[in-house]
Amino acid sequence: MSRISISFAESAIEDLEEIKQWYTEQGVSDVGDRFVREVFDRVEALQDHPDIGRIVPEFDQQFLRELIHPPFRIVYRREPTKVRVVRIWRSERLLHLPDD
């Protein structure tokens, strides 16, 4: 079985930048740096196991899944040969998908 390719939507990259900036503003930039590394580690596992995330409850679509990394949700679109990370949001926020 070949490995799944992974990409990040611009919205997910912006989410990570905002999260990192928030932690920096709180005076704990090391926490933001650690969180970003942990997100990339979690997402990397999708190369071999793209279906480990649960189906996003708000949409109930097989192709839209999420990994929970408290207090965040790593939302991704699952396609036959690739995964595209679309959002990285705090768990309590309602999910809105990007247009891309």
N, C-alpha and C. Protein backbone atom coordinates (compact mmCIF):
# COMPACT_ATOMS: atom_id res chain seq x y z
N MET A 1 0.83 -1.18 0.00
CA MET A 1 0.00 0.00 0.00
C MET A 1 0.88 1.25 0.00
N SER A 2 0.61 2.18 -0.92
CA SER A 2 1.41 3.40 -0.98
C SER A 2 0.95 4.39 0.08
N ARG A 3 1.86 5.25 0.45
CA ARG A 3 1.55 6.24 1.47
C ARG A 3 0.69 7.35 0.89
N ILE A 4 -0.13 7.89 1.71
CA ILE A 4 -1.02 8.99 1.36
C ILE A 4 -0.22 10.29 1.37
N SER A 5 -0.45 11.17 0.39
CA SER A 5 0.19 12.49 0.43
C SER A 5 -0.62 13.42 1.31
N ILE A 6 0.07 14.34 1.95
CA ILE A 6 -0.57 15.27 2.88
C ILE A 6 -0.27 16.69 2.44
N SER A 7 -1.30 17.54 2.49
CA SER A 7 -1.10 18.96 2.23
C SER A 7 -1.93 19.76 3.23
N PHE A 8 -1.60 21.04 3.33
CA PHE A 8 -2.30 21.95 4.24
C PHE A 8 -2.94 23.06 3.42
N ALA A 9 -4.22 23.29 3.65
CA ALA A 9 -4.90 24.42 3.03
C ALA A 9 -4.38 25.71 3.67
N GLU A 10 -4.47 26.79 2.94
CA GLU A 10 -4.04 28.09 3.47
C GLU A 10 -4.74 28.40 4.79
N SER A 11 -6.01 28.01 4.90
CA SER A 11 -6.76 28.26 6.14
C SER A 11 -6.13 27.54 7.34
N ALA A 12 -5.62 26.34 7.13
CA ALA A 12 -4.99 25.60 8.23
C ALA A 12 -3.66 26.23 8.61
N ILE A 13 -2.92 26.70 7.62
CA ILE A 13 -1.65 27.38 7.91
C ILE A 13 -1.91 28.66 8.70
N GLU A 14 -2.94 29.41 8.29
CA GLU A 14 -3.30 30.62 9.02
C GLU A 14 -3.74 30.29 10.44
N ASP A 15 -4.48 29.20 10.61
CA ASP A 15 -4.89 28.78 11.96
C ASP A 15 -3.67 28.55 12.84
N LEU A 16 -2.68 27.83 12.31
CA LEU A 16 -1.46 27.55 13.08
C LEU A 16 -0.71 28.84 13.42
N GLU A 17 -0.64 29.75 12.46
CA GLU A 17 0.05 31.02 12.72
C GLU A 17 -0.67 31.81 13.81
N GLU A 18 -2.00 31.83 13.77
CA GLU A 18 -2.77 32.55 14.79
C GLU A 18 -2.62 31.92 16.16
N ILE A 19 -2.63 30.61 16.21
CA ILE A 19 -2.46 29.91 17.48
C ILE A 19 -1.08 30.22 18.07
N LYS A 20 -0.07 30.12 17.22
CA LYS A 20 1.30 30.40 17.68
C LYS A 20 1.42 31.84 18.16
N GLN A 21 0.82 32.77 17.42
CA GLN A 21 0.86 34.18 17.81
C GLN A 21 0.16 34.40 19.15
N TRP A 22 -0.96 33.75 19.37
CA TRP A 22 -1.69 33.90 20.63
C TRP A 22 -0.82 33.46 21.81
N TYR A 23 -0.18 32.31 21.68
CA TYR A 23 0.68 31.84 22.76
C TYR A 23 1.86 32.79 22.99
N THR A 24 2.40 33.36 21.92
CA THR A 24 3.49 34.33 22.05
C THR A 24 3.01 35.56 22.81
N GLU A 25 1.81 36.05 22.46
CA GLU A 25 1.25 37.21 23.17
C GLU A 25 1.00 36.92 24.65
N GLN A 26 0.75 35.66 24.98
CA GLN A 26 0.54 35.27 26.38
C GLN A 26 1.86 35.08 27.13
N GLY A 27 2.97 35.23 26.41
CA GLY A 27 4.29 35.10 27.03
C GLY A 27 4.78 33.66 27.16
N VAL A 28 4.15 32.75 26.42
CA VAL A 28 4.56 31.34 26.46
C VAL A 28 4.76 30.81 25.03
N SER A 29 5.65 31.47 24.31
CA SER A 29 5.88 31.09 22.92
C SER A 29 6.34 29.65 22.79
N ASP A 30 7.01 29.12 23.81
CA ASP A 30 7.46 27.73 23.76
C ASP A 30 6.27 26.77 23.69
N VAL A 31 5.16 27.13 24.32
CA VAL A 31 3.95 26.30 24.26
C VAL A 31 3.41 26.30 22.83
N GLY A 32 3.38 27.46 22.19
CA GLY A 32 2.93 27.54 20.81
C GLY A 32 3.81 26.74 19.87
N ASP A 33 5.13 26.84 20.06
CA ASP A 33 6.07 26.07 19.24
C ASP A 33 5.85 24.57 19.42
N ARG A 34 5.67 24.16 20.67
CA ARG A 34 5.45 22.74 20.95
C ARG A 34 4.15 22.25 20.32
N PHE A 35 3.10 23.06 20.44
CA PHE A 35 1.83 22.67 19.87
C PHE A 35 1.95 22.47 18.36
N VAL A 36 2.59 23.38 17.66
CA VAL A 36 2.74 23.26 16.20
C VAL A 36 3.48 21.97 15.85
N ARG A 37 4.54 21.66 16.57
CA ARG A 37 5.27 20.40 16.34
C ARG A 37 4.37 19.20 16.56
N GLU A 38 3.56 19.24 17.62
CA GLU A 38 2.65 18.13 17.92
C GLU A 38 1.60 17.96 16.82
N VAL A 39 1.10 19.05 16.29
CA VAL A 39 0.13 18.97 15.19
C VAL A 39 0.75 18.27 13.99
N PHE A 40 1.96 18.68 13.62
CA PHE A 40 2.63 18.04 12.49
C PHE A 40 2.89 16.56 12.75
N ASP A 41 3.23 16.21 13.98
CA ASP A 41 3.43 14.80 14.33
C ASP A 41 2.13 14.01 14.18
N ARG A 42 1.02 14.57 14.66
CA ARG A 42 -0.27 13.89 14.54
C ARG A 42 -0.67 13.73 13.08
N VAL A 43 -0.50 14.78 12.30
CA VAL A 43 -0.89 14.75 10.89
C VAL A 43 -0.02 13.75 10.12
N GLU A 44 1.24 13.64 10.47
CA GLU A 44 2.14 12.70 9.79
C GLU A 44 1.62 11.26 9.87
N ALA A 45 0.96 10.92 10.96
CA ALA A 45 0.41 9.57 11.12
C ALA A 45 -0.65 9.26 10.07
N LEU A 46 -1.25 10.31 9.49
CA LEU A 46 -2.28 10.10 8.47
C LEU A 46 -1.71 9.50 7.17
N GLN A 47 -0.41 9.62 6.95
CA GLN A 47 0.20 9.03 5.75
C GLN A 47 -0.03 7.53 5.69
N ASP A 48 0.05 6.88 6.82
CA ASP A 48 -0.14 5.43 6.88
C ASP A 48 -1.52 5.02 7.36
N HIS A 49 -2.21 5.93 8.05
CA HIS A 49 -3.52 5.60 8.64
C HIS A 49 -4.48 6.78 8.43
N PRO A 50 -4.90 7.03 7.20
CA PRO A 50 -5.70 8.23 6.91
C PRO A 50 -7.11 8.21 7.49
N ASP A 51 -7.58 7.08 7.95
CA ASP A 51 -8.93 7.00 8.48
C ASP A 51 -8.99 6.97 10.01
N ILE A 52 -7.87 7.31 10.67
CA ILE A 52 -7.88 7.25 12.14
C ILE A 52 -8.72 8.35 12.77
N GLY A 53 -8.95 9.44 12.04
CA GLY A 53 -9.78 10.51 12.57
C GLY A 53 -11.25 10.15 12.52
N ARG A 54 -12.00 10.72 13.44
CA ARG A 54 -13.44 10.47 13.43
C ARG A 54 -14.11 11.37 12.38
N ILE A 55 -15.30 10.98 11.95
CA ILE A 55 -16.08 11.81 11.04
C ILE A 55 -16.52 13.05 11.80
N VAL A 56 -16.40 14.23 11.17
CA VAL A 56 -16.79 15.48 11.82
C VAL A 56 -18.30 15.47 12.06
N PRO A 57 -18.74 15.51 13.32
CA PRO A 57 -20.16 15.36 13.63
C PRO A 57 -21.07 16.40 12.97
N GLU A 58 -20.60 17.65 12.84
CA GLU A 58 -21.44 18.69 12.27
C GLU A 58 -21.84 18.43 10.82
N PHE A 59 -21.02 17.66 10.11
CA PHE A 59 -21.25 17.44 8.69
C PHE A 59 -21.63 16.01 8.33
N ASP A 60 -21.22 15.05 9.15
CA ASP A 60 -21.55 13.65 8.95
C ASP A 60 -21.26 13.17 7.52
N GLN A 61 -20.05 13.50 7.04
CA GLN A 61 -19.60 13.10 5.70
C GLN A 61 -18.35 12.23 5.86
N GLN A 62 -18.32 11.09 5.17
CA GLN A 62 -17.19 10.16 5.29
C GLN A 62 -15.84 10.81 4.96
N PHE A 63 -15.83 11.76 4.03
CA PHE A 63 -14.56 12.34 3.58
C PHE A 63 -14.03 13.43 4.51
N LEU A 64 -14.85 13.93 5.45
CA LEU A 64 -14.42 15.00 6.33
C LEU A 64 -14.21 14.45 7.73
N ARG A 65 -12.95 14.44 8.17
CA ARG A 65 -12.58 13.79 9.43
C ARG A 65 -11.78 14.75 10.30
N GLU A 66 -11.61 14.35 11.56
CA GLU A 66 -10.84 15.19 12.47
C GLU A 66 -10.08 14.34 13.48
N LEU A 67 -8.93 14.88 13.84
CA LEU A 67 -8.15 14.34 14.95
C LEU A 67 -8.34 15.32 16.10
N ILE A 68 -8.57 14.81 17.27
CA ILE A 68 -8.71 15.67 18.44
C ILE A 68 -7.34 15.75 19.12
N HIS A 69 -6.87 16.98 19.27
CA HIS A 69 -5.61 17.25 19.97
C HIS A 69 -5.94 18.38 20.96
N PRO A 70 -6.46 17.99 22.15
CA PRO A 70 -7.00 18.98 23.08
C PRO A 70 -6.06 20.16 23.31
N PRO A 71 -6.62 21.37 23.29
CA PRO A 71 -8.03 21.70 23.10
C PRO A 71 -8.38 21.98 21.63
N PHE A 72 -7.69 21.37 20.69
CA PHE A 72 -7.89 21.68 19.29
C PHE A 72 -8.44 20.50 18.48
N ARG A 73 -9.02 20.85 17.35
CA ARG A 73 -9.51 19.88 16.36
C ARG A 73 -8.68 20.08 15.10
N ILE A 74 -8.12 19.01 14.59
CA ILE A 74 -7.37 19.04 13.33
C ILE A 74 -8.29 18.43 12.29
N VAL A 75 -8.89 19.27 11.47
CA VAL A 75 -9.92 18.83 10.51
C VAL A 75 -9.27 18.61 9.15
N TYR A 76 -9.56 17.46 8.55
CA TYR A 76 -8.96 17.16 7.25
C TYR A 76 -9.96 16.51 6.31
N ARG A 77 -9.68 16.70 5.03
CA ARG A 77 -10.48 16.10 3.97
C ARG A 77 -9.76 14.86 3.48
N ARG A 78 -10.42 13.74 3.55
CA ARG A 78 -9.85 12.44 3.16
C ARG A 78 -10.26 12.12 1.73
N GLU A 79 -9.29 11.95 0.87
CA GLU A 79 -9.52 11.54 -0.51
C GLU A 79 -8.79 10.23 -0.74
N PRO A 80 -9.05 9.53 -1.85
CA PRO A 80 -8.46 8.20 -2.03
C PRO A 80 -6.93 8.16 -1.92
N THR A 81 -6.22 9.16 -2.43
CA THR A 81 -4.76 9.10 -2.40
C THR A 81 -4.12 10.25 -1.63
N LYS A 82 -4.95 11.10 -1.01
CA LYS A 82 -4.37 12.23 -0.29
C LYS A 82 -5.26 12.69 0.85
N VAL A 83 -4.63 13.48 1.72
CA VAL A 83 -5.30 14.11 2.85
C VAL A 83 -4.97 15.60 2.77
N ARG A 84 -5.97 16.42 2.96
CA ARG A 84 -5.75 17.88 2.99
C ARG A 84 -6.27 18.41 4.32
N VAL A 85 -5.38 18.94 5.13
CA VAL A 85 -5.75 19.54 6.41
C VAL A 85 -6.38 20.90 6.10
N VAL A 86 -7.61 21.11 6.58
CA VAL A 86 -8.33 22.32 6.23
C VAL A 86 -8.50 23.32 7.38
N ARG A 87 -8.56 22.85 8.61
CA ARG A 87 -8.71 23.75 9.76
C ARG A 87 -8.03 23.15 10.98
N ILE A 88 -7.59 24.04 11.86
CA ILE A 88 -7.08 23.64 13.17
C ILE A 88 -7.68 24.65 14.14
N TRP A 89 -8.73 24.21 14.84
CA TRP A 89 -9.52 25.12 15.65
C TRP A 89 -9.67 24.61 17.06
N ARG A 90 -9.98 25.54 17.95
CA ARG A 90 -10.31 25.15 19.32
C ARG A 90 -11.58 24.31 19.29
N SER A 91 -11.67 23.35 20.14
CA SER A 91 -12.77 22.39 20.14
C SER A 91 -14.15 23.02 20.30
N GLU A 92 -14.24 24.10 21.04
CA GLU A 92 -15.56 24.67 21.30
C GLU A 92 -16.09 25.55 20.16
N ARG A 93 -15.26 25.85 19.17
CA ARG A 93 -15.71 26.69 18.05
C ARG A 93 -16.50 25.87 17.04
N LEU A 94 -17.51 26.52 16.43
CA LEU A 94 -18.23 25.89 15.35
C LEU A 94 -17.34 25.84 14.12
N LEU A 95 -17.45 24.78 13.38
CA LEU A 95 -16.59 24.57 12.23
C LEU A 95 -17.16 25.25 10.98
N HIS A 96 -16.30 26.01 10.29
CA HIS A 96 -16.62 26.59 8.99
C HIS A 96 -15.49 26.20 8.06
N LEU A 97 -15.83 25.63 6.93
CA LEU A 97 -14.81 25.17 5.99
C LEU A 97 -14.41 26.28 5.04
N PRO A 98 -13.14 26.29 4.60
CA PRO A 98 -12.69 27.28 3.62
C PRO A 98 -13.25 26.96 2.24
N ASP A 99 -13.21 27.95 1.37
CA ASP A 99 -13.68 27.76 0.00
C ASP A 99 -12.72 26.93 -0.84
N ASP A 100 -11.43 26.90 -0.48
CA ASP A 100 -10.45 26.19 -1.33
C ASP A 100 -10.41 24.73 -1.10
